[in-house]
Amino acid sequence: VGDRLARAALVLLAAGAAWLTLLHHVLSGALWRGAALLMGAGLACFLVQAWLFYRHRHRPALDPGMRLAAAGLVLLGLGLVIAVPVVLMNVPQHVWTAYVMAVVLGISTFVAALYYKIVPFLVWYHRFGPLAGKQPVPRVGELYSARAANVAGGLLFIGALGTTASVLFGQPTMTRMAAVVLVSGVLVEASQMLQLARKQP
C-alpha cells in the first residue's frame, strides 16, 4: 500500500505538537481544541495506515511481535475514542486518567512489540551471522520461544486494556487485578530479552 496516510499523519502530528509547544501559554479552549483536533486526525491517519499494512501483508500468520504491535495500535485507537469526550466535554478526572493511560500504554506496548523484532535480529547478526555458511545456525525467530512471547503479549494487552477500562469506569479493585496481569507480561518479556542477550552459538 502507499504511504500517503503516513505522510499526512506526520504533518498533522507535527503541526499539533508545534501548536501546543509554541502557544501553550496563550491557549484558550478553542485554540486548545484545534491543536487536539490536528493531533487526533494525525493519529487516526497513522492507525488507518497501519491497518492497511496489516490487511495487505504477504505472510498470513503474524509473529508474536506483530501481534503485540497490533495490540498497541488497538490501545491507541481506544485512547483516540476516549479523547473525544475529553476534548469536547467536561468529564470527570478519572476519564482524563483513562485517556492518558490508553495512550501511554498503547505506545509502550507498541515499543515492547518492536523488541521482539529488533533484539533477536541484533543478537543473530552479531553472534550467529559470522558463522552462517560455516556451520548450522538457528534462524532469527528460533532464538526465543514464540509461545512465551505470545503469553507475554497476551498478558500485556489484557493488563493494559483492563487497567484502562477499570479506571475509565471507576473500578479500583479491577484496576489492581489488571495491573498485576500487566506487570506479569512485563516480567515475561523482560526475562525473554535477558535470555536473548545471553544467547551464544
N, C-alpha and C. Protein backbone atom coordinates (compact mmCIF):
# COMPACT_ATOMS: atom_id res chain seq x y z
N VAL A 1 0.86 -1.19 0.00
CA VAL A 1 0.00 0.00 0.00
C VAL A 1 0.89 1.24 0.00
N GLY A 2 0.31 2.35 -0.41
CA GLY A 2 1.05 3.60 -0.42
C GLY A 2 1.24 4.15 0.97
N ASP A 3 1.97 5.26 1.06
CA ASP A 3 2.26 5.85 2.37
C ASP A 3 1.68 7.25 2.52
N ARG A 4 0.64 7.56 1.76
CA ARG A 4 0.07 8.90 1.83
C ARG A 4 -0.49 9.20 3.21
N LEU A 5 -1.14 8.20 3.82
CA LEU A 5 -1.69 8.42 5.16
C LEU A 5 -0.59 8.61 6.19
N ALA A 6 0.51 7.90 6.02
CA ALA A 6 1.63 8.08 6.94
C ALA A 6 2.21 9.49 6.82
N ARG A 7 2.29 9.99 5.60
CA ARG A 7 2.78 11.36 5.40
C ARG A 7 1.83 12.38 6.04
N ALA A 8 0.52 12.14 5.85
CA ALA A 8 -0.47 13.02 6.45
C ALA A 8 -0.37 12.98 7.98
N ALA A 9 -0.17 11.77 8.53
CA ALA A 9 -0.03 11.63 9.98
C ALA A 9 1.16 12.43 10.49
N LEU A 10 2.27 12.35 9.77
CA LEU A 10 3.47 13.08 10.18
C LEU A 10 3.22 14.58 10.21
N VAL A 11 2.58 15.10 9.17
CA VAL A 11 2.32 16.54 9.09
C VAL A 11 1.35 16.98 10.18
N LEU A 12 0.27 16.23 10.36
CA LEU A 12 -0.75 16.62 11.33
C LEU A 12 -0.23 16.54 12.77
N LEU A 13 0.47 15.45 13.09
CA LEU A 13 1.00 15.31 14.44
C LEU A 13 2.06 16.37 14.73
N ALA A 14 2.93 16.64 13.76
CA ALA A 14 3.96 17.67 13.97
C ALA A 14 3.33 19.04 14.11
N ALA A 15 2.30 19.32 13.31
CA ALA A 15 1.62 20.62 13.40
C ALA A 15 0.94 20.78 14.76
N GLY A 16 0.26 19.73 15.21
CA GLY A 16 -0.39 19.81 16.51
C GLY A 16 0.60 19.97 17.65
N ALA A 17 1.70 19.23 17.58
CA ALA A 17 2.72 19.34 18.63
C ALA A 17 3.36 20.73 18.63
N ALA A 18 3.63 21.27 17.44
CA ALA A 18 4.21 22.62 17.35
C ALA A 18 3.23 23.66 17.89
N TRP A 19 1.95 23.48 17.57
CA TRP A 19 0.91 24.38 18.06
C TRP A 19 0.93 24.42 19.60
N LEU A 20 0.94 23.25 20.22
CA LEU A 20 0.96 23.18 21.67
C LEU A 20 2.25 23.76 22.26
N THR A 21 3.37 23.48 21.59
CA THR A 21 4.67 23.93 22.11
C THR A 21 4.80 25.45 22.06
N LEU A 22 4.41 26.03 20.95
CA LEU A 22 4.63 27.46 20.75
C LEU A 22 3.56 28.33 21.40
N LEU A 23 2.34 27.79 21.56
CA LEU A 23 1.23 28.61 22.02
C LEU A 23 0.63 28.13 23.34
N HIS A 24 1.35 27.25 24.06
CA HIS A 24 0.76 26.68 25.27
C HIS A 24 0.39 27.73 26.31
N HIS A 25 1.11 28.87 26.33
CA HIS A 25 0.87 29.88 27.36
C HIS A 25 -0.29 30.81 27.03
N VAL A 26 -0.81 30.73 25.80
CA VAL A 26 -1.93 31.60 25.41
C VAL A 26 -3.13 30.81 24.90
N LEU A 27 -3.09 29.51 25.06
CA LEU A 27 -4.17 28.69 24.50
C LEU A 27 -5.48 28.89 25.25
N SER A 28 -6.50 29.29 24.51
CA SER A 28 -7.86 29.30 25.04
C SER A 28 -8.49 27.94 24.74
N GLY A 29 -9.75 27.77 25.14
CA GLY A 29 -10.42 26.50 24.89
C GLY A 29 -10.48 26.15 23.42
N ALA A 30 -10.82 27.13 22.57
CA ALA A 30 -10.94 26.86 21.14
C ALA A 30 -9.59 26.52 20.52
N LEU A 31 -8.55 27.28 20.89
CA LEU A 31 -7.22 27.02 20.33
C LEU A 31 -6.70 25.66 20.79
N TRP A 32 -6.95 25.33 22.04
CA TRP A 32 -6.52 24.03 22.57
C TRP A 32 -7.20 22.90 21.83
N ARG A 33 -8.49 23.06 21.55
CA ARG A 33 -9.23 22.03 20.82
C ARG A 33 -8.73 21.92 19.38
N GLY A 34 -8.30 23.04 18.81
CA GLY A 34 -7.74 22.99 17.45
C GLY A 34 -6.48 22.15 17.39
N ALA A 35 -5.60 22.33 18.36
CA ALA A 35 -4.38 21.52 18.42
C ALA A 35 -4.73 20.05 18.63
N ALA A 36 -5.70 19.78 19.52
CA ALA A 36 -6.12 18.40 19.77
C ALA A 36 -6.71 17.77 18.51
N LEU A 37 -7.46 18.55 17.74
CA LEU A 37 -8.05 18.04 16.50
C LEU A 37 -6.96 17.66 15.50
N LEU A 38 -5.94 18.48 15.38
CA LEU A 38 -4.83 18.16 14.48
C LEU A 38 -4.15 16.86 14.88
N MET A 39 -3.85 16.73 16.16
CA MET A 39 -3.14 15.54 16.62
C MET A 39 -4.03 14.31 16.57
N GLY A 40 -5.31 14.47 16.86
CA GLY A 40 -6.23 13.34 16.75
C GLY A 40 -6.37 12.86 15.32
N ALA A 41 -6.43 13.82 14.38
CA ALA A 41 -6.51 13.44 12.97
C ALA A 41 -5.23 12.75 12.53
N GLY A 42 -4.09 13.21 13.04
CA GLY A 42 -2.82 12.57 12.71
C GLY A 42 -2.76 11.15 13.21
N LEU A 43 -3.22 10.93 14.44
CA LEU A 43 -3.24 9.58 14.98
C LEU A 43 -4.18 8.68 14.20
N ALA A 44 -5.34 9.22 13.81
CA ALA A 44 -6.29 8.43 13.02
C ALA A 44 -5.67 8.01 11.69
N CYS A 45 -4.95 8.92 11.04
CA CYS A 45 -4.27 8.58 9.77
C CYS A 45 -3.24 7.49 10.00
N PHE A 46 -2.49 7.59 11.09
CA PHE A 46 -1.48 6.58 11.41
C PHE A 46 -2.12 5.21 11.62
N LEU A 47 -3.23 5.17 12.36
CA LEU A 47 -3.89 3.91 12.65
C LEU A 47 -4.46 3.27 11.38
N VAL A 48 -5.03 4.08 10.51
CA VAL A 48 -5.56 3.53 9.25
C VAL A 48 -4.42 3.03 8.37
N GLN A 49 -3.31 3.77 8.33
CA GLN A 49 -2.15 3.32 7.55
C GLN A 49 -1.65 1.98 8.06
N ALA A 50 -1.55 1.84 9.39
CA ALA A 50 -1.11 0.58 9.97
C ALA A 50 -2.08 -0.55 9.64
N TRP A 51 -3.37 -0.27 9.72
CA TRP A 51 -4.38 -1.29 9.40
C TRP A 51 -4.24 -1.75 7.95
N LEU A 52 -3.96 -0.83 7.05
CA LEU A 52 -3.77 -1.20 5.64
C LEU A 52 -2.54 -2.09 5.48
N PHE A 53 -1.48 -1.78 6.21
CA PHE A 53 -0.29 -2.63 6.14
C PHE A 53 -0.60 -4.04 6.62
N TYR A 54 -1.33 -4.13 7.72
CA TYR A 54 -1.71 -5.46 8.22
C TYR A 54 -2.60 -6.19 7.23
N ARG A 55 -3.54 -5.47 6.66
CA ARG A 55 -4.50 -6.11 5.76
C ARG A 55 -3.84 -6.65 4.50
N HIS A 56 -2.84 -5.96 4.00
CA HIS A 56 -2.19 -6.34 2.74
C HIS A 56 -0.84 -7.01 2.95
N ARG A 57 -0.63 -7.59 4.12
CA ARG A 57 0.64 -8.26 4.40
C ARG A 57 0.79 -9.50 3.52
N HIS A 58 2.04 -9.90 3.27
CA HIS A 58 2.32 -11.07 2.44
C HIS A 58 2.21 -12.36 3.24
N ARG A 59 2.63 -12.34 4.50
CA ARG A 59 2.57 -13.54 5.32
C ARG A 59 1.23 -13.58 6.07
N PRO A 60 0.46 -14.65 5.88
CA PRO A 60 -0.85 -14.70 6.55
C PRO A 60 -0.74 -14.79 8.07
N ALA A 61 0.28 -15.49 8.57
CA ALA A 61 0.44 -15.66 10.02
C ALA A 61 1.27 -14.51 10.59
N LEU A 62 0.86 -14.03 11.76
CA LEU A 62 1.58 -12.96 12.43
C LEU A 62 2.51 -13.55 13.49
N ASP A 63 3.74 -13.04 13.54
CA ASP A 63 4.63 -13.47 14.61
C ASP A 63 4.27 -12.72 15.89
N PRO A 64 4.82 -13.15 17.03
CA PRO A 64 4.44 -12.53 18.32
C PRO A 64 4.63 -11.01 18.35
N GLY A 65 5.71 -10.54 17.74
CA GLY A 65 5.96 -9.11 17.74
C GLY A 65 4.89 -8.33 17.00
N MET A 66 4.45 -8.85 15.85
CA MET A 66 3.42 -8.17 15.08
C MET A 66 2.07 -8.24 15.77
N ARG A 67 1.79 -9.34 16.48
CA ARG A 67 0.55 -9.41 17.25
C ARG A 67 0.54 -8.36 18.36
N LEU A 68 1.67 -8.25 19.05
CA LEU A 68 1.74 -7.29 20.14
C LEU A 68 1.68 -5.85 19.61
N ALA A 69 2.28 -5.62 18.45
CA ALA A 69 2.18 -4.29 17.83
C ALA A 69 0.74 -3.95 17.51
N ALA A 70 -0.01 -4.94 17.00
CA ALA A 70 -1.43 -4.71 16.72
C ALA A 70 -2.19 -4.38 18.01
N ALA A 71 -1.83 -5.04 19.12
CA ALA A 71 -2.46 -4.75 20.40
C ALA A 71 -2.19 -3.31 20.82
N GLY A 72 -0.96 -2.85 20.61
CA GLY A 72 -0.63 -1.47 20.93
C GLY A 72 -1.44 -0.49 20.10
N LEU A 73 -1.66 -0.82 18.83
CA LEU A 73 -2.46 0.04 17.97
C LEU A 73 -3.91 0.08 18.42
N VAL A 74 -4.42 -1.07 18.88
CA VAL A 74 -5.80 -1.10 19.41
C VAL A 74 -5.91 -0.17 20.62
N LEU A 75 -4.93 -0.20 21.50
CA LEU A 75 -4.95 0.66 22.68
C LEU A 75 -4.87 2.14 22.28
N LEU A 76 -4.07 2.45 21.27
CA LEU A 76 -4.03 3.83 20.78
C LEU A 76 -5.37 4.24 20.20
N GLY A 77 -6.02 3.31 19.50
CA GLY A 77 -7.36 3.60 18.98
C GLY A 77 -8.35 3.86 20.11
N LEU A 78 -8.24 3.08 21.20
CA LEU A 78 -9.09 3.31 22.36
C LEU A 78 -8.83 4.70 22.95
N GLY A 79 -7.57 5.07 23.01
CA GLY A 79 -7.24 6.41 23.51
C GLY A 79 -7.86 7.49 22.65
N LEU A 80 -7.87 7.27 21.34
CA LEU A 80 -8.48 8.24 20.43
C LEU A 80 -9.98 8.36 20.68
N VAL A 81 -10.62 7.24 20.95
CA VAL A 81 -12.07 7.25 21.23
C VAL A 81 -12.35 8.01 22.54
N ILE A 82 -11.57 7.71 23.58
CA ILE A 82 -11.77 8.38 24.86
C ILE A 82 -11.46 9.87 24.75
N ALA A 83 -10.57 10.24 23.84
CA ALA A 83 -10.19 11.65 23.69
C ALA A 83 -11.35 12.52 23.24
N VAL A 84 -12.32 11.94 22.56
CA VAL A 84 -13.44 12.76 22.04
C VAL A 84 -14.20 13.43 23.18
N PRO A 85 -14.71 12.68 24.18
CA PRO A 85 -15.38 13.39 25.29
C PRO A 85 -14.42 14.23 26.13
N VAL A 86 -13.16 13.81 26.23
CA VAL A 86 -12.19 14.59 26.99
C VAL A 86 -12.02 15.98 26.39
N VAL A 87 -11.97 16.06 25.07
CA VAL A 87 -11.74 17.33 24.39
C VAL A 87 -13.02 18.17 24.31
N LEU A 88 -14.15 17.51 24.09
CA LEU A 88 -15.38 18.24 23.80
C LEU A 88 -16.27 18.47 25.01
N MET A 89 -16.07 17.74 26.10
CA MET A 89 -16.99 17.82 27.23
C MET A 89 -16.22 18.03 28.53
N ASN A 90 -16.95 18.36 29.57
CA ASN A 90 -16.37 18.48 30.91
C ASN A 90 -16.52 17.14 31.60
N VAL A 91 -15.50 16.30 31.53
CA VAL A 91 -15.59 14.93 32.03
C VAL A 91 -14.87 14.82 33.38
N PRO A 92 -15.20 13.80 34.19
CA PRO A 92 -14.51 13.61 35.47
C PRO A 92 -13.03 13.31 35.29
N GLN A 93 -12.28 13.50 36.36
CA GLN A 93 -10.83 13.32 36.31
C GLN A 93 -10.44 11.90 35.92
N HIS A 94 -11.20 10.90 36.36
CA HIS A 94 -10.80 9.53 36.06
C HIS A 94 -10.90 9.22 34.56
N VAL A 95 -11.75 9.95 33.83
CA VAL A 95 -11.82 9.77 32.38
C VAL A 95 -10.56 10.33 31.72
N TRP A 96 -10.10 11.49 32.22
CA TRP A 96 -8.82 12.02 31.75
C TRP A 96 -7.69 11.02 32.00
N THR A 97 -7.70 10.45 33.20
CA THR A 97 -6.65 9.49 33.56
C THR A 97 -6.69 8.28 32.63
N ALA A 98 -7.88 7.78 32.34
CA ALA A 98 -8.01 6.63 31.44
C ALA A 98 -7.52 6.97 30.04
N TYR A 99 -7.80 8.18 29.60
CA TYR A 99 -7.33 8.62 28.28
C TYR A 99 -5.80 8.60 28.22
N VAL A 100 -5.16 9.19 29.23
CA VAL A 100 -3.69 9.22 29.26
C VAL A 100 -3.14 7.80 29.34
N MET A 101 -3.77 6.95 30.15
CA MET A 101 -3.31 5.57 30.29
C MET A 101 -3.40 4.82 28.97
N ALA A 102 -4.50 4.99 28.25
CA ALA A 102 -4.66 4.29 26.97
C ALA A 102 -3.56 4.68 25.99
N VAL A 103 -3.25 5.98 25.94
CA VAL A 103 -2.22 6.45 25.01
C VAL A 103 -0.83 5.98 25.43
N VAL A 104 -0.50 6.17 26.72
CA VAL A 104 0.83 5.78 27.20
C VAL A 104 1.03 4.27 27.11
N LEU A 105 0.03 3.49 27.53
CA LEU A 105 0.16 2.04 27.47
C LEU A 105 0.14 1.54 26.02
N GLY A 106 -0.60 2.23 25.14
CA GLY A 106 -0.58 1.85 23.74
C GLY A 106 0.79 2.04 23.12
N ILE A 107 1.40 3.20 23.39
CA ILE A 107 2.75 3.45 22.88
C ILE A 107 3.75 2.47 23.49
N SER A 108 3.62 2.24 24.79
CA SER A 108 4.55 1.32 25.47
C SER A 108 4.43 -0.10 24.92
N THR A 109 3.21 -0.54 24.70
CA THR A 109 3.00 -1.88 24.13
C THR A 109 3.57 -1.98 22.73
N PHE A 110 3.39 -0.92 21.95
CA PHE A 110 3.93 -0.91 20.59
C PHE A 110 5.46 -1.00 20.62
N VAL A 111 6.08 -0.26 21.53
CA VAL A 111 7.54 -0.31 21.67
C VAL A 111 7.99 -1.69 22.14
N ALA A 112 7.25 -2.26 23.10
CA ALA A 112 7.58 -3.61 23.58
C ALA A 112 7.53 -4.62 22.44
N ALA A 113 6.59 -4.42 21.50
CA ALA A 113 6.50 -5.31 20.34
C ALA A 113 7.74 -5.20 19.47
N LEU A 114 8.28 -4.01 19.35
CA LEU A 114 9.46 -3.82 18.50
C LEU A 114 10.68 -4.55 19.04
N TYR A 115 10.72 -4.77 20.35
CA TYR A 115 11.84 -5.52 20.92
C TYR A 115 11.89 -6.94 20.35
N TYR A 116 10.72 -7.52 20.09
CA TYR A 116 10.71 -8.87 19.52
C TYR A 116 11.16 -8.89 18.07
N LYS A 117 11.19 -7.73 17.42
CA LYS A 117 11.68 -7.65 16.06
C LYS A 117 13.17 -7.28 16.02
N ILE A 118 13.58 -6.41 16.93
CA ILE A 118 14.93 -5.84 16.85
C ILE A 118 15.96 -6.67 17.60
N VAL A 119 15.66 -7.03 18.86
CA VAL A 119 16.67 -7.70 19.69
C VAL A 119 17.11 -9.04 19.10
N PRO A 120 16.18 -9.93 18.67
CA PRO A 120 16.64 -11.20 18.09
C PRO A 120 17.51 -10.98 16.85
N PHE A 121 17.16 -10.00 16.02
CA PHE A 121 17.96 -9.75 14.82
C PHE A 121 19.37 -9.27 15.18
N LEU A 122 19.46 -8.36 16.15
CA LEU A 122 20.78 -7.86 16.54
C LEU A 122 21.65 -8.96 17.13
N VAL A 123 21.03 -9.80 17.97
CA VAL A 123 21.79 -10.91 18.56
C VAL A 123 22.25 -11.87 17.47
N TRP A 124 21.35 -12.21 16.54
CA TRP A 124 21.72 -13.12 15.46
C TRP A 124 22.83 -12.51 14.60
N TYR A 125 22.66 -11.25 14.24
CA TYR A 125 23.64 -10.59 13.36
C TYR A 125 25.02 -10.53 14.02
N HIS A 126 25.05 -10.26 15.31
CA HIS A 126 26.33 -10.09 16.00
C HIS A 126 27.00 -11.42 16.32
N ARG A 127 26.23 -12.44 16.73
CA ARG A 127 26.82 -13.66 17.25
C ARG A 127 26.71 -14.86 16.32
N PHE A 128 25.66 -14.88 15.50
CA PHE A 128 25.47 -16.04 14.63
C PHE A 128 25.75 -15.74 13.16
N GLY A 129 25.58 -14.47 12.78
CA GLY A 129 25.79 -14.10 11.38
C GLY A 129 27.16 -14.47 10.84
N PRO A 130 28.25 -14.20 11.58
CA PRO A 130 29.58 -14.55 11.07
C PRO A 130 29.78 -16.05 10.86
N LEU A 131 28.93 -16.88 11.48
CA LEU A 131 29.07 -18.33 11.36
C LEU A 131 28.21 -18.91 10.24
N ALA A 132 27.34 -18.07 9.66
CA ALA A 132 26.45 -18.56 8.61
C ALA A 132 27.26 -19.05 7.41
N GLY A 133 26.95 -20.23 6.93
CA GLY A 133 27.69 -20.84 5.83
C GLY A 133 28.86 -21.68 6.27
N LYS A 134 29.27 -21.53 7.52
CA LYS A 134 30.37 -22.31 8.06
C LYS A 134 29.88 -23.46 8.93
N GLN A 135 28.76 -23.24 9.59
CA GLN A 135 28.16 -24.26 10.43
C GLN A 135 26.67 -23.97 10.54
N PRO A 136 25.87 -24.95 10.93
CA PRO A 136 24.43 -24.69 11.07
C PRO A 136 24.17 -23.64 12.15
N VAL A 137 23.31 -22.70 11.83
CA VAL A 137 22.93 -21.66 12.79
C VAL A 137 21.40 -21.57 12.83
N PRO A 138 20.86 -21.16 13.97
CA PRO A 138 19.40 -21.03 14.05
C PRO A 138 18.92 -19.82 13.25
N ARG A 139 17.66 -19.85 12.88
CA ARG A 139 17.05 -18.67 12.28
C ARG A 139 16.75 -17.64 13.38
N VAL A 140 16.51 -16.41 12.95
CA VAL A 140 16.27 -15.34 13.92
C VAL A 140 15.10 -15.68 14.83
N GLY A 141 14.01 -16.18 14.25
CA GLY A 141 12.83 -16.48 15.03
C GLY A 141 12.98 -17.65 15.98
N GLU A 142 14.05 -18.42 15.81
CA GLU A 142 14.29 -19.57 16.69
C GLU A 142 15.11 -19.23 17.92
N LEU A 143 15.51 -17.97 18.05
CA LEU A 143 16.32 -17.57 19.20
C LEU A 143 15.50 -17.38 20.47
N TYR A 144 14.18 -17.31 20.33
CA TYR A 144 13.33 -17.14 21.51
C TYR A 144 12.08 -18.00 21.35
N SER A 145 11.38 -18.22 22.45
CA SER A 145 10.17 -19.04 22.44
C SER A 145 8.98 -18.20 21.98
N ALA A 146 8.41 -18.59 20.84
CA ALA A 146 7.23 -17.88 20.35
C ALA A 146 6.05 -18.06 21.30
N ARG A 147 5.97 -19.23 21.93
CA ARG A 147 4.86 -19.46 22.86
C ARG A 147 4.94 -18.50 24.05
N ALA A 148 6.13 -18.37 24.63
CA ALA A 148 6.31 -17.44 25.75
C ALA A 148 6.07 -16.00 25.31
N ALA A 149 6.49 -15.68 24.10
CA ALA A 149 6.27 -14.33 23.59
C ALA A 149 4.78 -14.04 23.42
N ASN A 150 4.03 -15.05 22.95
CA ASN A 150 2.58 -14.86 22.83
C ASN A 150 1.92 -14.71 24.20
N VAL A 151 2.42 -15.46 25.19
CA VAL A 151 1.91 -15.31 26.55
C VAL A 151 2.19 -13.90 27.06
N ALA A 152 3.42 -13.42 26.85
CA ALA A 152 3.77 -12.06 27.28
C ALA A 152 2.87 -11.03 26.59
N GLY A 153 2.68 -11.20 25.29
CA GLY A 153 1.84 -10.27 24.55
C GLY A 153 0.40 -10.28 25.05
N GLY A 154 -0.13 -11.48 25.31
CA GLY A 154 -1.49 -11.57 25.81
C GLY A 154 -1.65 -10.91 27.17
N LEU A 155 -0.68 -11.16 28.04
CA LEU A 155 -0.74 -10.55 29.38
C LEU A 155 -0.61 -9.03 29.30
N LEU A 156 0.28 -8.55 28.45
CA LEU A 156 0.45 -7.11 28.31
C LEU A 156 -0.83 -6.45 27.79
N PHE A 157 -1.43 -7.06 26.78
CA PHE A 157 -2.63 -6.46 26.20
C PHE A 157 -3.81 -6.51 27.16
N ILE A 158 -4.04 -7.69 27.76
CA ILE A 158 -5.16 -7.82 28.69
C ILE A 158 -4.95 -6.90 29.90
N GLY A 159 -3.72 -6.84 30.40
CA GLY A 159 -3.44 -5.98 31.54
C GLY A 159 -3.63 -4.51 31.22
N ALA A 160 -3.11 -4.08 30.07
CA ALA A 160 -3.23 -2.67 29.68
C ALA A 160 -4.68 -2.30 29.41
N LEU A 161 -5.39 -3.16 28.69
CA LEU A 161 -6.79 -2.89 28.39
C LEU A 161 -7.63 -2.91 29.66
N GLY A 162 -7.39 -3.89 30.53
CA GLY A 162 -8.15 -3.98 31.77
C GLY A 162 -7.88 -2.82 32.70
N THR A 163 -6.63 -2.40 32.79
CA THR A 163 -6.29 -1.27 33.64
C THR A 163 -6.97 0.00 33.15
N THR A 164 -6.90 0.24 31.85
CA THR A 164 -7.53 1.43 31.28
C THR A 164 -9.04 1.41 31.48
N ALA A 165 -9.67 0.27 31.16
CA ALA A 165 -11.12 0.18 31.26
C ALA A 165 -11.60 0.31 32.70
N SER A 166 -10.88 -0.30 33.64
CA SER A 166 -11.30 -0.23 35.04
C SER A 166 -11.15 1.18 35.60
N VAL A 167 -10.13 1.90 35.18
CA VAL A 167 -10.01 3.31 35.59
C VAL A 167 -11.12 4.14 34.95
N LEU A 168 -11.41 3.86 33.68
CA LEU A 168 -12.46 4.60 32.98
C LEU A 168 -13.81 4.46 33.67
N PHE A 169 -14.10 3.26 34.16
CA PHE A 169 -15.40 3.01 34.80
C PHE A 169 -15.33 3.05 36.33
N GLY A 170 -14.20 3.50 36.87
CA GLY A 170 -14.08 3.69 38.30
C GLY A 170 -14.16 2.42 39.13
N GLN A 171 -13.37 1.41 38.76
CA GLN A 171 -13.37 0.13 39.47
C GLN A 171 -11.96 -0.15 40.02
N PRO A 172 -11.65 0.36 41.21
CA PRO A 172 -10.28 0.24 41.73
C PRO A 172 -9.81 -1.20 41.95
N THR A 173 -10.72 -2.08 42.37
CA THR A 173 -10.32 -3.48 42.59
C THR A 173 -9.89 -4.12 41.27
N MET A 174 -10.67 -3.89 40.21
CA MET A 174 -10.32 -4.41 38.90
C MET A 174 -9.03 -3.79 38.38
N THR A 175 -8.80 -2.52 38.73
CA THR A 175 -7.56 -1.86 38.32
C THR A 175 -6.35 -2.58 38.90
N ARG A 176 -6.43 -2.95 40.17
CA ARG A 176 -5.31 -3.64 40.81
C ARG A 176 -5.08 -5.01 40.17
N MET A 177 -6.15 -5.73 39.90
CA MET A 177 -6.02 -7.05 39.28
C MET A 177 -5.42 -6.94 37.89
N ALA A 178 -5.89 -5.96 37.11
CA ALA A 178 -5.36 -5.78 35.76
C ALA A 178 -3.90 -5.35 35.80
N ALA A 179 -3.54 -4.55 36.81
CA ALA A 179 -2.14 -4.12 36.94
C ALA A 179 -1.22 -5.29 37.20
N VAL A 180 -1.70 -6.26 38.00
CA VAL A 180 -0.90 -7.47 38.25
C VAL A 180 -0.68 -8.23 36.95
N VAL A 181 -1.74 -8.34 36.13
CA VAL A 181 -1.61 -9.02 34.84
C VAL A 181 -0.61 -8.29 33.95
N LEU A 182 -0.69 -6.96 33.94
CA LEU A 182 0.22 -6.16 33.13
C LEU A 182 1.67 -6.36 33.55
N VAL A 183 1.92 -6.31 34.84
CA VAL A 183 3.29 -6.50 35.35
C VAL A 183 3.79 -7.90 35.02
N SER A 184 2.90 -8.89 35.08
CA SER A 184 3.29 -10.26 34.72
C SER A 184 3.77 -10.33 33.28
N GLY A 185 3.08 -9.64 32.39
CA GLY A 185 3.52 -9.60 30.99
C GLY A 185 4.86 -8.93 30.83
N VAL A 186 5.06 -7.86 31.58
CA VAL A 186 6.35 -7.16 31.55
C VAL A 186 7.47 -8.09 31.99
N LEU A 187 7.24 -8.83 33.06
CA LEU A 187 8.27 -9.73 33.58
C LEU A 187 8.59 -10.85 32.60
N VAL A 188 7.56 -11.40 31.94
CA VAL A 188 7.81 -12.47 30.96
C VAL A 188 8.65 -11.94 29.81
N GLU A 189 8.29 -10.78 29.28
CA GLU A 189 9.07 -10.25 28.16
C GLU A 189 10.48 -9.87 28.60
N ALA A 190 10.60 -9.26 29.78
CA ALA A 190 11.93 -8.88 30.26
C ALA A 190 12.84 -10.09 30.41
N SER A 191 12.27 -11.19 30.91
CA SER A 191 13.09 -12.41 31.06
C SER A 191 13.51 -12.94 29.69
N GLN A 192 12.63 -12.84 28.71
CA GLN A 192 13.00 -13.29 27.36
C GLN A 192 14.10 -12.42 26.76
N MET A 193 14.03 -11.12 26.98
CA MET A 193 15.05 -10.23 26.44
C MET A 193 16.40 -10.51 27.11
N LEU A 194 16.38 -10.80 28.41
CA LEU A 194 17.63 -11.13 29.10
C LEU A 194 18.22 -12.44 28.57
N GLN A 195 17.37 -13.43 28.33
CA GLN A 195 17.84 -14.69 27.78
C GLN A 195 18.40 -14.48 26.38
N LEU A 196 17.73 -13.66 25.59
CA LEU A 196 18.23 -13.37 24.24
C LEU A 196 19.59 -12.72 24.28
N ALA A 197 19.76 -11.78 25.19
CA ALA A 197 21.04 -11.06 25.26
C ALA A 197 22.20 -11.98 25.63
N ARG A 198 21.89 -13.12 26.23
CA ARG A 198 22.95 -14.05 26.64
C ARG A 198 23.11 -15.22 25.68
N LYS A 199 22.38 -15.21 24.58
CA LYS A 199 22.49 -16.32 23.61
C LYS A 199 23.88 -16.36 22.99
N GLN A 200 24.40 -17.57 22.91
CA GLN A 200 25.70 -17.79 22.30
C GLN A 200 25.60 -18.95 21.31
N PRO A 201 26.45 -18.97 20.28
CA PRO A 201 26.43 -20.11 19.33
C PRO A 201 26.75 -21.43 20.03
